[in-house]
Amino acid sequence: MSAIEVRPLQEEDREWIGGAMRKQWHSELVISRGRVHHARDLPGFVAEINGENRGFALYRFDGNACECELVVIFSLQEGQGVGTNLMTSVKNVAKQAGCVRLWLITTNDNLLALGFYQRQGFRLVAVYPNAMAESRRLKPTIPMIGLNSIPLRDELELEMLL
């Protein structure tokens, strides 16, 4: 297996990231806890294998609370270590910034991701029932049925203390 290299996102990566997000989620917008995030505005990392983009992570800092939100993590193929390497990079940048908490929002249908996040050291800290109704108001392209034919209703918050 070839080595995974993770580097800071560069401006020329944004077109590729936007295309990947549109293909995966039909939009470059991400909604978490009623907040709209534009992928083009977020810092992040890109993972490469043999010089080819294989995944990315986008994050944002909340300076007031000294926290870092992992807004998006995406891998073109699971099981290669791309997500783990991206997560390590986000965790490291959050620690370097003095953050005390790394957190994320996912949805009730995202079973594979829930397992991944927990293996990375995240803990489930909150469930926001029916939060997807508000998210759909902000981003109408969110489907009613999610992964594994599960009705897409709730947001789940996970955190890792740094």
N, C-alpha and C. Protein backbone atom coordinates (compact mmCIF):
# COMPACT_ATOMS: atom_id res chain seq x y z
N MET A 1 0.84 -1.18 0.00
CA MET A 1 0.00 0.00 0.00
C MET A 1 0.88 1.24 0.00
N SER A 2 0.54 2.21 -0.78
CA SER A 2 1.30 3.45 -0.87
C SER A 2 1.03 4.33 0.34
N ALA A 3 2.01 5.18 0.62
CA ALA A 3 1.90 6.08 1.76
C ALA A 3 0.86 7.17 1.49
N ILE A 4 0.17 7.54 2.53
CA ILE A 4 -0.80 8.63 2.47
C ILE A 4 -0.09 9.89 2.92
N GLU A 5 -0.19 10.91 2.11
CA GLU A 5 0.38 12.20 2.48
C GLU A 5 -0.76 13.19 2.68
N VAL A 6 -0.73 13.88 3.81
CA VAL A 6 -1.74 14.89 4.11
C VAL A 6 -1.06 16.24 4.10
N ARG A 7 -1.67 17.18 3.40
CA ARG A 7 -1.11 18.53 3.28
C ARG A 7 -2.23 19.55 3.48
N PRO A 8 -1.87 20.77 3.86
CA PRO A 8 -2.90 21.80 3.98
C PRO A 8 -3.58 22.05 2.64
N LEU A 9 -4.86 22.28 2.70
CA LEU A 9 -5.65 22.59 1.52
C LEU A 9 -5.11 23.86 0.87
N GLN A 10 -5.03 23.84 -0.44
CA GLN A 10 -4.57 25.01 -1.20
C GLN A 10 -5.71 25.51 -2.06
N GLU A 11 -5.61 26.74 -2.50
CA GLU A 11 -6.70 27.34 -3.27
C GLU A 11 -7.05 26.50 -4.50
N GLU A 12 -6.06 25.93 -5.15
CA GLU A 12 -6.34 25.13 -6.35
C GLU A 12 -7.05 23.81 -6.05
N ASP A 13 -7.14 23.41 -4.77
CA ASP A 13 -7.88 22.20 -4.38
C ASP A 13 -9.38 22.45 -4.31
N ARG A 14 -9.79 23.69 -4.21
CA ARG A 14 -11.19 24.01 -3.93
C ARG A 14 -12.14 23.54 -5.04
N GLU A 15 -11.70 23.57 -6.29
CA GLU A 15 -12.57 23.09 -7.37
C GLU A 15 -12.82 21.59 -7.24
N TRP A 16 -11.76 20.83 -6.96
CA TRP A 16 -11.91 19.39 -6.76
C TRP A 16 -12.81 19.09 -5.56
N ILE A 17 -12.59 19.80 -4.45
CA ILE A 17 -13.40 19.59 -3.25
C ILE A 17 -14.85 19.92 -3.54
N GLY A 18 -15.10 21.04 -4.21
CA GLY A 18 -16.47 21.42 -4.56
C GLY A 18 -17.14 20.36 -5.41
N GLY A 19 -16.42 19.84 -6.38
CA GLY A 19 -16.98 18.78 -7.24
C GLY A 19 -17.29 17.52 -6.46
N ALA A 20 -16.39 17.14 -5.56
CA ALA A 20 -16.62 15.94 -4.75
C ALA A 20 -17.84 16.13 -3.84
N MET A 21 -17.98 17.32 -3.29
CA MET A 21 -19.12 17.57 -2.41
C MET A 21 -20.43 17.60 -3.20
N ARG A 22 -20.41 18.19 -4.36
CA ARG A 22 -21.64 18.21 -5.17
C ARG A 22 -22.04 16.79 -5.57
N LYS A 23 -21.06 15.96 -5.88
CA LYS A 23 -21.35 14.57 -6.27
C LYS A 23 -21.88 13.78 -5.06
N GLN A 24 -21.29 13.96 -3.91
CA GLN A 24 -21.66 13.19 -2.73
C GLN A 24 -22.92 13.72 -2.04
N TRP A 25 -23.01 15.07 -1.92
CA TRP A 25 -24.08 15.68 -1.11
C TRP A 25 -24.92 16.70 -1.90
N HIS A 26 -24.71 16.77 -3.21
CA HIS A 26 -25.51 17.64 -4.09
C HIS A 26 -25.36 19.13 -3.80
N SER A 27 -24.31 19.51 -3.07
CA SER A 27 -24.13 20.91 -2.72
C SER A 27 -22.77 21.08 -2.07
N GLU A 28 -22.27 22.30 -2.10
CA GLU A 28 -21.06 22.65 -1.37
C GLU A 28 -21.38 23.24 -0.01
N LEU A 29 -22.65 23.28 0.32
CA LEU A 29 -23.08 23.78 1.63
C LEU A 29 -23.17 22.64 2.62
N VAL A 30 -22.79 22.92 3.85
CA VAL A 30 -22.90 21.96 4.94
C VAL A 30 -23.67 22.66 6.05
N ILE A 31 -24.64 21.97 6.62
CA ILE A 31 -25.42 22.51 7.72
C ILE A 31 -25.08 21.73 8.98
N SER A 32 -24.74 22.46 10.05
CA SER A 32 -24.55 21.80 11.34
C SER A 32 -25.08 22.72 12.43
N ARG A 33 -26.00 22.19 13.20
CA ARG A 33 -26.63 22.92 14.29
C ARG A 33 -27.23 24.24 13.83
N GLY A 34 -27.86 24.21 12.65
CA GLY A 34 -28.54 25.39 12.13
C GLY A 34 -27.63 26.43 11.51
N ARG A 35 -26.38 26.11 11.37
CA ARG A 35 -25.40 27.03 10.80
C ARG A 35 -25.01 26.56 9.40
N VAL A 36 -24.97 27.48 8.44
CA VAL A 36 -24.60 27.16 7.07
C VAL A 36 -23.10 27.40 6.90
N HIS A 37 -22.42 26.37 6.40
CA HIS A 37 -20.99 26.47 6.12
C HIS A 37 -20.79 26.35 4.61
N HIS A 38 -19.99 27.22 4.04
CA HIS A 38 -19.63 27.16 2.63
C HIS A 38 -18.25 26.52 2.54
N ALA A 39 -18.16 25.40 1.84
CA ALA A 39 -16.91 24.66 1.75
C ALA A 39 -15.77 25.55 1.26
N ARG A 40 -16.06 26.46 0.34
CA ARG A 40 -15.00 27.29 -0.23
C ARG A 40 -14.38 28.24 0.78
N ASP A 41 -15.05 28.45 1.92
CA ASP A 41 -14.57 29.40 2.92
C ASP A 41 -13.80 28.76 4.06
N LEU A 42 -13.73 27.44 4.09
CA LEU A 42 -13.16 26.74 5.24
C LEU A 42 -11.72 26.30 5.00
N PRO A 43 -10.90 26.34 6.04
CA PRO A 43 -9.57 25.75 5.94
C PRO A 43 -9.68 24.23 5.98
N GLY A 44 -8.61 23.56 5.59
CA GLY A 44 -8.68 22.11 5.63
C GLY A 44 -7.40 21.44 5.21
N PHE A 45 -7.52 20.15 4.97
CA PHE A 45 -6.41 19.29 4.56
C PHE A 45 -6.86 18.42 3.40
N VAL A 46 -5.90 18.05 2.57
CA VAL A 46 -6.13 17.12 1.47
C VAL A 46 -5.20 15.92 1.67
N ALA A 47 -5.74 14.73 1.50
CA ALA A 47 -4.94 13.50 1.57
C ALA A 47 -4.67 13.03 0.16
N GLU A 48 -3.43 12.65 -0.09
CA GLU A 48 -3.01 12.15 -1.40
C GLU A 48 -2.38 10.78 -1.26
N ILE A 49 -2.58 9.96 -2.27
CA ILE A 49 -1.86 8.71 -2.42
C ILE A 49 -1.26 8.74 -3.82
N ASN A 50 0.04 8.57 -3.90
CA ASN A 50 0.76 8.64 -5.19
C ASN A 50 0.43 9.91 -5.96
N GLY A 51 0.32 11.03 -5.25
CA GLY A 51 0.07 12.31 -5.88
C GLY A 51 -1.37 12.56 -6.32
N GLU A 52 -2.27 11.61 -6.03
CA GLU A 52 -3.69 11.77 -6.40
C GLU A 52 -4.52 12.08 -5.16
N ASN A 53 -5.39 13.06 -5.29
CA ASN A 53 -6.29 13.41 -4.19
C ASN A 53 -7.18 12.22 -3.86
N ARG A 54 -7.22 11.87 -2.57
CA ARG A 54 -8.03 10.72 -2.14
C ARG A 54 -9.03 11.08 -1.05
N GLY A 55 -8.91 12.30 -0.51
CA GLY A 55 -9.85 12.72 0.52
C GLY A 55 -9.52 14.11 1.02
N PHE A 56 -10.43 14.63 1.84
CA PHE A 56 -10.22 15.96 2.41
C PHE A 56 -10.97 16.10 3.72
N ALA A 57 -10.55 17.05 4.51
CA ALA A 57 -11.23 17.41 5.75
C ALA A 57 -11.29 18.93 5.81
N LEU A 58 -12.45 19.45 6.21
CA LEU A 58 -12.65 20.88 6.39
C LEU A 58 -13.04 21.13 7.83
N TYR A 59 -12.56 22.21 8.39
CA TYR A 59 -12.82 22.51 9.79
C TYR A 59 -12.99 24.02 9.98
N ARG A 60 -13.43 24.39 11.18
CA ARG A 60 -13.51 25.80 11.54
C ARG A 60 -13.24 25.94 13.03
N PHE A 61 -12.67 27.06 13.39
CA PHE A 61 -12.41 27.37 14.79
C PHE A 61 -13.50 28.27 15.33
N ASP A 62 -13.87 28.02 16.57
CA ASP A 62 -14.73 28.93 17.31
C ASP A 62 -13.83 29.52 18.39
N GLY A 63 -13.30 30.70 18.11
CA GLY A 63 -12.32 31.32 19.00
C GLY A 63 -12.87 31.65 20.37
N ASN A 64 -14.15 31.99 20.44
CA ASN A 64 -14.73 32.35 21.74
C ASN A 64 -14.72 31.17 22.70
N ALA A 65 -15.02 30.00 22.19
CA ALA A 65 -15.09 28.82 23.03
C ALA A 65 -13.81 27.99 22.96
N CYS A 66 -12.87 28.41 22.15
CA CYS A 66 -11.62 27.68 21.95
C CYS A 66 -11.89 26.23 21.56
N GLU A 67 -12.73 26.10 20.54
CA GLU A 67 -13.11 24.78 20.03
C GLU A 67 -12.88 24.72 18.52
N CYS A 68 -12.82 23.50 18.01
CA CYS A 68 -12.68 23.27 16.58
C CYS A 68 -13.78 22.31 16.15
N GLU A 69 -14.50 22.71 15.12
CA GLU A 69 -15.53 21.83 14.55
C GLU A 69 -14.99 21.19 13.29
N LEU A 70 -15.04 19.88 13.23
CA LEU A 70 -14.77 19.15 12.00
C LEU A 70 -16.05 19.21 11.18
N VAL A 71 -16.04 20.01 10.13
CA VAL A 71 -17.25 20.27 9.36
C VAL A 71 -17.48 19.17 8.33
N VAL A 72 -16.41 18.73 7.66
CA VAL A 72 -16.51 17.67 6.64
C VAL A 72 -15.26 16.82 6.71
N ILE A 73 -15.45 15.53 6.60
CA ILE A 73 -14.34 14.61 6.34
C ILE A 73 -14.83 13.65 5.28
N PHE A 74 -14.02 13.46 4.24
CA PHE A 74 -14.45 12.68 3.08
C PHE A 74 -13.28 11.88 2.55
N SER A 75 -13.53 10.63 2.27
CA SER A 75 -12.54 9.75 1.66
C SER A 75 -13.16 9.09 0.45
N LEU A 76 -12.41 9.03 -0.63
CA LEU A 76 -12.90 8.39 -1.84
C LEU A 76 -13.04 6.88 -1.68
N GLN A 77 -12.22 6.30 -0.81
CA GLN A 77 -12.31 4.85 -0.57
C GLN A 77 -11.99 4.58 0.88
N GLU A 78 -12.90 3.92 1.56
CA GLU A 78 -12.71 3.64 2.97
C GLU A 78 -11.75 2.48 3.17
N GLY A 79 -11.17 2.45 4.35
CA GLY A 79 -10.31 1.33 4.72
C GLY A 79 -8.87 1.48 4.31
N GLN A 80 -8.46 2.62 3.76
CA GLN A 80 -7.07 2.84 3.36
C GLN A 80 -6.30 3.68 4.36
N GLY A 81 -7.00 4.25 5.36
CA GLY A 81 -6.34 5.11 6.33
C GLY A 81 -6.42 6.59 6.00
N VAL A 82 -7.12 6.92 4.92
CA VAL A 82 -7.24 8.33 4.53
C VAL A 82 -7.95 9.13 5.62
N GLY A 83 -9.10 8.64 6.08
CA GLY A 83 -9.84 9.35 7.12
C GLY A 83 -9.06 9.49 8.41
N THR A 84 -8.38 8.43 8.81
CA THR A 84 -7.59 8.46 10.03
C THR A 84 -6.48 9.50 9.93
N ASN A 85 -5.80 9.55 8.81
CA ASN A 85 -4.72 10.53 8.64
C ASN A 85 -5.26 11.96 8.59
N LEU A 86 -6.40 12.15 7.94
CA LEU A 86 -7.01 13.48 7.92
C LEU A 86 -7.44 13.88 9.33
N MET A 87 -8.05 12.96 10.08
CA MET A 87 -8.49 13.26 11.43
C MET A 87 -7.30 13.65 12.31
N THR A 88 -6.20 12.94 12.18
CA THR A 88 -5.01 13.27 12.95
C THR A 88 -4.53 14.68 12.64
N SER A 89 -4.57 15.06 11.38
CA SER A 89 -4.14 16.40 11.00
C SER A 89 -5.04 17.48 11.59
N VAL A 90 -6.36 17.25 11.55
CA VAL A 90 -7.29 18.22 12.13
C VAL A 90 -7.09 18.29 13.64
N LYS A 91 -6.94 17.15 14.27
CA LYS A 91 -6.71 17.13 15.72
C LYS A 91 -5.44 17.90 16.08
N ASN A 92 -4.39 17.70 15.32
CA ASN A 92 -3.13 18.39 15.59
C ASN A 92 -3.24 19.89 15.42
N VAL A 93 -3.92 20.34 14.36
CA VAL A 93 -4.06 21.79 14.14
C VAL A 93 -4.93 22.40 15.23
N ALA A 94 -5.92 21.67 15.70
CA ALA A 94 -6.77 22.16 16.79
C ALA A 94 -5.96 22.30 18.08
N LYS A 95 -5.16 21.31 18.38
CA LYS A 95 -4.31 21.38 19.57
C LYS A 95 -3.34 22.55 19.48
N GLN A 96 -2.71 22.71 18.31
CA GLN A 96 -1.76 23.80 18.12
C GLN A 96 -2.42 25.16 18.28
N ALA A 97 -3.71 25.25 17.95
CA ALA A 97 -4.45 26.50 18.08
C ALA A 97 -4.93 26.73 19.52
N GLY A 98 -4.69 25.77 20.39
CA GLY A 98 -5.09 25.90 21.78
C GLY A 98 -6.52 25.48 22.06
N CYS A 99 -7.13 24.77 21.13
CA CYS A 99 -8.51 24.32 21.33
C CYS A 99 -8.55 23.25 22.42
N VAL A 100 -9.65 23.24 23.15
CA VAL A 100 -9.83 22.25 24.20
C VAL A 100 -10.78 21.14 23.78
N ARG A 101 -11.46 21.36 22.64
CA ARG A 101 -12.45 20.38 22.19
C ARG A 101 -12.50 20.36 20.67
N LEU A 102 -12.57 19.14 20.12
CA LEU A 102 -12.83 18.92 18.70
C LEU A 102 -14.19 18.25 18.65
N TRP A 103 -15.09 18.79 17.82
CA TRP A 103 -16.44 18.25 17.78
C TRP A 103 -16.93 18.18 16.35
N LEU A 104 -18.03 17.45 16.17
CA LEU A 104 -18.62 17.31 14.85
C LEU A 104 -20.09 16.96 14.98
N ILE A 105 -20.79 17.18 13.89
CA ILE A 105 -22.19 16.80 13.78
C ILE A 105 -22.30 15.79 12.65
N THR A 106 -23.04 14.72 12.90
CA THR A 106 -23.40 13.78 11.84
C THR A 106 -24.89 13.50 11.97
N THR A 107 -25.37 12.64 11.12
CA THR A 107 -26.81 12.36 11.11
C THR A 107 -27.07 10.92 11.56
N ASN A 108 -28.31 10.67 11.94
CA ASN A 108 -28.70 9.38 12.50
C ASN A 108 -28.51 8.21 11.54
N ASP A 109 -28.42 8.47 10.25
CA ASP A 109 -28.28 7.39 9.27
C ASP A 109 -26.82 7.01 8.99
N ASN A 110 -25.89 7.77 9.49
CA ASN A 110 -24.49 7.65 9.09
C ASN A 110 -23.76 6.63 9.97
N LEU A 111 -24.20 5.38 9.89
CA LEU A 111 -23.73 4.33 10.79
C LEU A 111 -22.24 4.03 10.66
N LEU A 112 -21.73 3.96 9.43
CA LEU A 112 -20.30 3.71 9.23
C LEU A 112 -19.46 4.81 9.86
N ALA A 113 -19.89 6.05 9.66
CA ALA A 113 -19.15 7.18 10.22
C ALA A 113 -19.18 7.16 11.75
N LEU A 114 -20.32 6.80 12.33
CA LEU A 114 -20.40 6.73 13.79
C LEU A 114 -19.37 5.75 14.36
N GLY A 115 -19.22 4.63 13.71
CA GLY A 115 -18.20 3.68 14.14
C GLY A 115 -16.80 4.26 13.99
N PHE A 116 -16.53 4.88 12.84
CA PHE A 116 -15.22 5.50 12.59
C PHE A 116 -14.91 6.55 13.65
N TYR A 117 -15.85 7.45 13.90
CA TYR A 117 -15.60 8.53 14.86
C TYR A 117 -15.32 7.98 16.26
N GLN A 118 -16.05 6.96 16.65
CA GLN A 118 -15.82 6.39 17.97
C GLN A 118 -14.46 5.70 18.05
N ARG A 119 -14.06 5.03 16.98
CA ARG A 119 -12.72 4.42 16.96
C ARG A 119 -11.63 5.49 17.03
N GLN A 120 -11.92 6.69 16.56
CA GLN A 120 -10.95 7.78 16.61
C GLN A 120 -10.89 8.46 17.98
N GLY A 121 -11.80 8.10 18.87
CA GLY A 121 -11.78 8.65 20.22
C GLY A 121 -12.90 9.64 20.51
N PHE A 122 -13.83 9.81 19.59
CA PHE A 122 -14.98 10.70 19.82
C PHE A 122 -16.01 9.99 20.68
N ARG A 123 -16.77 10.79 21.44
CA ARG A 123 -17.88 10.28 22.24
C ARG A 123 -19.15 10.99 21.83
N LEU A 124 -20.25 10.28 21.83
CA LEU A 124 -21.55 10.87 21.55
C LEU A 124 -21.95 11.70 22.77
N VAL A 125 -22.24 13.00 22.53
CA VAL A 125 -22.57 13.88 23.66
C VAL A 125 -23.97 14.49 23.56
N ALA A 126 -24.59 14.45 22.37
CA ALA A 126 -25.93 15.02 22.25
C ALA A 126 -26.64 14.45 21.03
N VAL A 127 -27.96 14.35 21.16
CA VAL A 127 -28.83 14.00 20.04
C VAL A 127 -29.82 15.15 19.91
N TYR A 128 -29.97 15.66 18.69
CA TYR A 128 -30.89 16.75 18.42
C TYR A 128 -32.03 16.19 17.57
N PRO A 129 -33.11 15.75 18.24
CA PRO A 129 -34.23 15.14 17.51
C PRO A 129 -34.85 16.10 16.50
N ASN A 130 -35.12 15.56 15.33
CA ASN A 130 -35.79 16.29 14.24
C ASN A 130 -35.04 17.53 13.77
N ALA A 131 -33.75 17.62 14.04
CA ALA A 131 -32.96 18.77 13.61
C ALA A 131 -32.88 18.88 12.09
N MET A 132 -33.07 17.77 11.40
CA MET A 132 -32.96 17.80 9.94
C MET A 132 -34.08 18.60 9.30
N ALA A 133 -35.18 18.80 9.99
CA ALA A 133 -36.26 19.64 9.44
C ALA A 133 -35.74 21.07 9.24
N GLU A 134 -35.03 21.60 10.24
CA GLU A 134 -34.46 22.95 10.11
C GLU A 134 -33.34 22.95 9.06
N SER A 135 -32.54 21.91 9.04
CA SER A 135 -31.45 21.82 8.06
C SER A 135 -32.01 21.83 6.63
N ARG A 136 -33.12 21.13 6.41
CA ARG A 136 -33.74 21.12 5.07
C ARG A 136 -34.27 22.50 4.68
N ARG A 137 -34.69 23.27 5.65
CA ARG A 137 -35.13 24.64 5.36
C ARG A 137 -33.96 25.45 4.81
N LEU A 138 -32.77 25.22 5.36
CA LEU A 138 -31.58 25.94 4.94
C LEU A 138 -30.94 25.34 3.69
N LYS A 139 -31.13 24.03 3.52
CA LYS A 139 -30.54 23.30 2.38
C LYS A 139 -31.58 22.28 1.90
N PRO A 140 -32.46 22.71 1.00
CA PRO A 140 -33.57 21.86 0.56
C PRO A 140 -33.16 20.56 -0.13
N THR A 141 -31.91 20.42 -0.55
CA THR A 141 -31.48 19.21 -1.25
C THR A 141 -31.25 18.03 -0.32
N ILE A 142 -31.35 18.23 0.99
CA ILE A 142 -31.17 17.12 1.92
C ILE A 142 -32.34 16.15 1.76
N PRO A 143 -32.04 14.88 1.48
CA PRO A 143 -33.13 13.91 1.25
C PRO A 143 -33.86 13.54 2.54
N MET A 144 -35.02 12.97 2.38
CA MET A 144 -35.81 12.49 3.52
C MET A 144 -35.29 11.13 4.01
N ILE A 145 -34.77 10.34 3.08
CA ILE A 145 -34.23 9.02 3.40
C ILE A 145 -32.73 9.06 3.18
N GLY A 146 -31.99 8.58 4.17
CA GLY A 146 -30.54 8.62 4.11
C GLY A 146 -29.93 7.27 3.79
N LEU A 147 -28.71 7.11 4.26
CA LEU A 147 -27.97 5.88 4.05
C LEU A 147 -28.72 4.70 4.66
N ASN A 148 -28.56 3.54 4.08
CA ASN A 148 -29.16 2.30 4.58
C ASN A 148 -30.69 2.39 4.66
N SER A 149 -31.29 3.25 3.83
CA SER A 149 -32.75 3.44 3.80
C SER A 149 -33.33 3.88 5.14
N ILE A 150 -32.53 4.60 5.91
CA ILE A 150 -32.95 5.09 7.22
C ILE A 150 -33.52 6.50 7.06
N PRO A 151 -34.70 6.78 7.63
CA PRO A 151 -35.23 8.14 7.58
C PRO A 151 -34.23 9.12 8.22
N LEU A 152 -33.94 10.18 7.54
CA LEU A 152 -32.94 11.16 7.95
C LEU A 152 -33.64 12.23 8.80
N ARG A 153 -33.48 12.14 10.13
CA ARG A 153 -34.23 13.02 11.03
C ARG A 153 -33.36 13.79 12.01
N ASP A 154 -32.38 13.14 12.61
CA ASP A 154 -31.71 13.70 13.77
C ASP A 154 -30.24 14.04 13.49
N GLU A 155 -29.75 15.04 14.22
CA GLU A 155 -28.32 15.33 14.23
C GLU A 155 -27.74 14.74 15.50
N LEU A 156 -26.52 14.23 15.39
CA LEU A 156 -25.82 13.66 16.53
C LEU A 156 -24.53 14.45 16.69
N GLU A 157 -24.24 14.85 17.91
CA GLU A 157 -23.01 15.58 18.20
C GLU A 157 -22.03 14.66 18.90
N LEU A 158 -20.83 14.64 18.38
CA LEU A 158 -19.75 13.86 18.99
C LEU A 158 -18.61 14.82 19.31
N GLU A 159 -17.85 14.49 20.35
CA GLU A 159 -16.74 15.35 20.73
C GLU A 159 -15.54 14.53 21.18
N MET A 160 -14.41 15.20 21.11
CA MET A 160 -13.16 14.67 21.61
C MET A 160 -12.51 15.81 22.40
N LEU A 161 -12.22 15.57 23.65
CA LEU A 161 -11.51 16.58 24.44
C LEU A 161 -10.03 16.49 24.12
N LEU A 162 -9.43 17.65 23.93
CA LEU A 162 -8.03 17.67 23.49
C LEU A 162 -7.07 17.92 24.64
